[in-house]
């Protein structure tokens, strides 16, 4: 027959083993981002377990929803300047053209030259 350990005893035993566990108060949302989707957990309970300098986050409960990840294209500033220099257009026009063309320099230059 197993005797149930009270929470205080469990905490003392964990501390002797070098483990420390604390609840993280006031967590409103946890977001897990993968390359293809976002998992959103609203109103979860989060505990942090610290062991040998590593932190382990335990997320429990909450309302879970998933959505496809949004991929925002990042355009390097030097590309924007290059397109602006090649076409004589403003940096803003060059940036918009690069965004429209998926960051492809040649397509952006051709697009601006055709305007």
C-alpha atoms as a PDB file:
ATOM      1  CA  UNK A   1       0.000   0.000   0.000  1.00  0.00           C
ATOM      2  CA  UNK A   2       1.413   3.383  -1.058  1.00  0.00           C
ATOM      3  CA  UNK A   3       1.342   6.317   1.271  1.00  0.00           C
ATOM      4  CA  UNK A   4       0.668   9.601  -0.495  1.00  0.00           C
ATOM      5  CA  UNK A   5       3.476  12.139   0.008  1.00  0.00           C
ATOM      6  CA  UNK A   6       2.361  15.573   1.118  1.00  0.00           C
ATOM      7  CA  UNK A   7       3.454  18.551  -1.040  1.00  0.00           C
ATOM      8  CA  UNK A   8       5.890  19.899   1.593  1.00  0.00           C
ATOM      9  CA  UNK A   9       7.704  16.536   1.811  1.00  0.00           C
ATOM     10  CA  UNK A  10       7.820  16.287  -1.979  1.00  0.00           C
ATOM     11  CA  UNK A  11       9.348  19.778  -2.231  1.00  0.00           C
ATOM     12  CA  UNK A  12      12.003  18.963   0.416  1.00  0.00           C
ATOM     13  CA  UNK A  13      12.885  15.716  -1.358  1.00  0.00           C
ATOM     14  CA  UNK A  14      13.205  17.538  -4.714  1.00  0.00           C
ATOM     15  CA  UNK A  15      15.473  20.176  -3.144  1.00  0.00           C
ATOM     16  CA  UNK A  16      17.746  17.434  -1.696  1.00  0.00           C
ATOM     17  CA  UNK A  17      18.043  16.024  -5.229  1.00  0.00           C
ATOM     18  CA  UNK A  18      18.970  19.453  -6.621  1.00  0.00           C
ATOM     19  CA  UNK A  19      15.553  20.095  -8.158  1.00  0.00           C
ATOM     20  CA  UNK A  20      13.580  23.266  -7.668  1.00  0.00           C
ATOM     21  CA  UNK A  21      10.033  23.716  -8.928  1.00  0.00           C
ATOM     22  CA  UNK A  22       7.987  26.919  -8.828  1.00  0.00           C
ATOM     23  CA  UNK A  23       4.666  27.958 -10.313  1.00  0.00           C
ATOM     24  CA  UNK A  24       4.856  30.878 -12.732  1.00  0.00           C
ATOM     25  CA  UNK A  25       2.009  33.247 -11.781  1.00  0.00           C
ATOM     26  CA  UNK A  26      -0.130  35.365 -14.121  1.00  0.00           C
ATOM     27  CA  UNK A  27       0.662  33.520 -17.378  1.00  0.00           C
ATOM     28  CA  UNK A  28      -1.914  34.604 -19.961  1.00  0.00           C
ATOM     29  CA  UNK A  29      -0.689  32.748 -23.038  1.00  0.00           C
ATOM     30  CA  UNK A  30       2.002  30.358 -24.271  1.00  0.00           C
ATOM     31  CA  UNK A  31       2.854  30.279 -27.990  1.00  0.00           C
ATOM     32  CA  UNK A  32       4.854  27.440 -29.540  1.00  0.00           C
ATOM     33  CA  UNK A  33       6.121  28.296 -33.031  1.00  0.00           C
ATOM     34  CA  UNK A  34       7.264  25.635 -35.466  1.00  0.00           C
ATOM     35  CA  UNK A  35       8.257  26.144 -39.085  1.00  0.00           C
ATOM     36  CA  UNK A  36       4.729  25.320 -40.222  1.00  0.00           C
ATOM     37  CA  UNK A  37       2.343  26.320 -37.444  1.00  0.00           C
ATOM     38  CA  UNK A  38       1.732  28.149 -34.195  1.00  0.00           C
ATOM     39  CA  UNK A  39       0.198  26.415 -31.194  1.00  0.00           C
ATOM     40  CA  UNK A  40      -1.456  28.936 -28.878  1.00  0.00           C
ATOM     41  CA  UNK A  41      -2.363  27.969 -25.312  1.00  0.00           C
ATOM     42  CA  UNK A  42      -4.537  30.548 -23.540  1.00  0.00           C
ATOM     43  CA  UNK A  43      -4.758  30.677 -19.730  1.00  0.00           C
ATOM     44  CA  UNK A  44      -2.375  27.766 -19.008  1.00  0.00           C
ATOM     45  CA  UNK A  45      -0.770  26.817 -15.723  1.00  0.00           C
ATOM     46  CA  UNK A  46       3.012  26.991 -16.071  1.00  0.00           C
ATOM     47  CA  UNK A  47       5.554  25.479 -13.687  1.00  0.00           C
ATOM     48  CA  UNK A  48       9.323  25.919 -13.948  1.00  0.00           C
ATOM     49  CA  UNK A  49      11.471  22.987 -12.906  1.00  0.00           C
ATOM     50  CA  UNK A  50      15.128  23.910 -12.459  1.00  0.00           C
ATOM     51  CA  UNK A  51      17.634  21.078 -12.501  1.00  0.00           C
ATOM     52  CA  UNK A  52      21.419  21.407 -12.808  1.00  0.00           C
ATOM     53  CA  UNK A  53      21.150  24.908 -14.308  1.00  0.00           C
ATOM     54  CA  UNK A  54      18.565  23.843 -16.906  1.00  0.00           C
ATOM     55  CA  UNK A  55      15.031  25.207 -16.853  1.00  0.00           C
ATOM     56  CA  UNK A  56      12.150  22.941 -17.838  1.00  0.00           C
ATOM     57  CA  UNK A  57       8.790  24.599 -18.460  1.00  0.00           C
ATOM     58  CA  UNK A  58       5.705  22.490 -17.812  1.00  0.00           C
ATOM     59  CA  UNK A  59       2.555  23.838 -19.467  1.00  0.00           C
ATOM     60  CA  UNK A  60      -0.741  22.387 -18.257  1.00  0.00           C
ATOM     61  CA  UNK A  61      -4.355  22.985 -19.236  1.00  0.00           C
ATOM     62  CA  UNK A  62      -5.649  26.025 -21.035  1.00  0.00           C
ATOM     63  CA  UNK A  63      -7.493  26.479 -24.307  1.00  0.00           C
ATOM     64  CA  UNK A  64      -5.422  25.189 -27.226  1.00  0.00           C
ATOM     65  CA  UNK A  65      -5.677  26.433 -30.797  1.00  0.00           C
ATOM     66  CA  UNK A  66      -3.478  25.996 -33.859  1.00  0.00           C
ATOM     67  CA  UNK A  67      -2.905  28.153 -36.916  1.00  0.00           C
ATOM     68  CA  UNK A  68      -0.553  28.138 -39.867  1.00  0.00           C
ATOM     69  CA  UNK A  69       2.658  30.088 -39.267  1.00  0.00           C
ATOM     70  CA  UNK A  70       2.978  33.470 -40.913  1.00  0.00           C
ATOM     71  CA  UNK A  71       6.192  33.826 -42.874  1.00  0.00           C
ATOM     72  CA  UNK A  72       7.327  37.436 -43.093  1.00  0.00           C
ATOM     73  CA  UNK A  73       9.867  38.101 -45.793  1.00  0.00           C
ATOM     74  CA  UNK A  74      12.929  39.982 -44.539  1.00  0.00           C
ATOM     75  CA  UNK A  75      14.561  42.142 -47.176  1.00  0.00           C
ATOM     76  CA  UNK A  76      18.197  43.115 -46.523  1.00  0.00           C
ATOM     77  CA  UNK A  77      18.798  46.885 -46.528  1.00  0.00           C
ATOM     78  CA  UNK A  78      21.635  46.512 -49.073  1.00  0.00           C
ATOM     79  CA  UNK A  79      19.179  44.896 -51.531  1.00  0.00           C
ATOM     80  CA  UNK A  80      16.797  47.840 -51.131  1.00  0.00           C
ATOM     81  CA  UNK A  81      19.652  50.309 -51.776  1.00  0.00           C
ATOM     82  CA  UNK A  82      20.858  48.332 -54.800  1.00  0.00           C
ATOM     83  CA  UNK A  83      17.388  48.278 -56.409  1.00  0.00           C
ATOM     84  CA  UNK A  84      16.900  52.006 -55.659  1.00  0.00           C
ATOM     85  CA  UNK A  85      20.325  52.844 -57.173  1.00  0.00           C
ATOM     86  CA  UNK A  86      19.709  50.705 -60.273  1.00  0.00           C
ATOM     87  CA  UNK A  87      16.270  52.170 -60.965  1.00  0.00           C
ATOM     88  CA  UNK A  88      16.569  55.735 -59.668  1.00  0.00           C
ATOM     89  CA  UNK A  89      13.492  55.130 -57.480  1.00  0.00           C
ATOM     90  CA  UNK A  90      13.098  55.893 -53.766  1.00  0.00           C
ATOM     91  CA  UNK A  91      14.067  53.402 -51.048  1.00  0.00           C
ATOM     92  CA  UNK A  92      10.368  52.959 -50.182  1.00  0.00           C
ATOM     93  CA  UNK A  93       9.470  52.148 -53.822  1.00  0.00           C
ATOM     94  CA  UNK A  94      12.412  49.730 -54.013  1.00  0.00           C
ATOM     95  CA  UNK A  95      11.332  47.980 -50.777  1.00  0.00           C
ATOM     96  CA  UNK A  96       7.726  47.593 -52.026  1.00  0.00           C
ATOM     97  CA  UNK A  97       8.936  46.167 -55.348  1.00  0.00           C
ATOM     98  CA  UNK A  98      11.207  43.673 -53.559  1.00  0.00           C
ATOM     99  CA  UNK A  99       8.314  42.577 -51.311  1.00  0.00           C
ATOM    100  CA  UNK A 100       6.062  42.103 -54.352  1.00  0.00           C
ATOM    101  CA  UNK A 101       8.764  40.040 -56.087  1.00  0.00           C
ATOM    102  CA  UNK A 102       9.564  37.823 -53.096  1.00  0.00           C
ATOM    103  CA  UNK A 103      12.954  39.458 -52.559  1.00  0.00           C
ATOM    104  CA  UNK A 104      14.240  38.718 -56.071  1.00  0.00           C
ATOM    105  CA  UNK A 105      16.500  41.596 -57.151  1.00  0.00           C
ATOM    106  CA  UNK A 106      16.256  41.178 -60.940  1.00  0.00           C
ATOM    107  CA  UNK A 107      12.444  40.924 -60.897  1.00  0.00           C
ATOM    108  CA  UNK A 108      12.152  43.995 -58.644  1.00  0.00           C
ATOM    109  CA  UNK A 109      14.432  46.036 -60.940  1.00  0.00           C
ATOM    110  CA  UNK A 110      12.463  44.983 -64.031  1.00  0.00           C
ATOM    111  CA  UNK A 111       9.183  45.778 -62.270  1.00  0.00           C
ATOM    112  CA  UNK A 112      10.314  49.307 -61.357  1.00  0.00           C
ATOM    113  CA  UNK A 113      11.815  49.959 -64.781  1.00  0.00           C
ATOM    114  CA  UNK A 114       8.490  49.030 -66.394  1.00  0.00           C
ATOM    115  CA  UNK A 115       6.615  51.650 -64.304  1.00  0.00           C
END
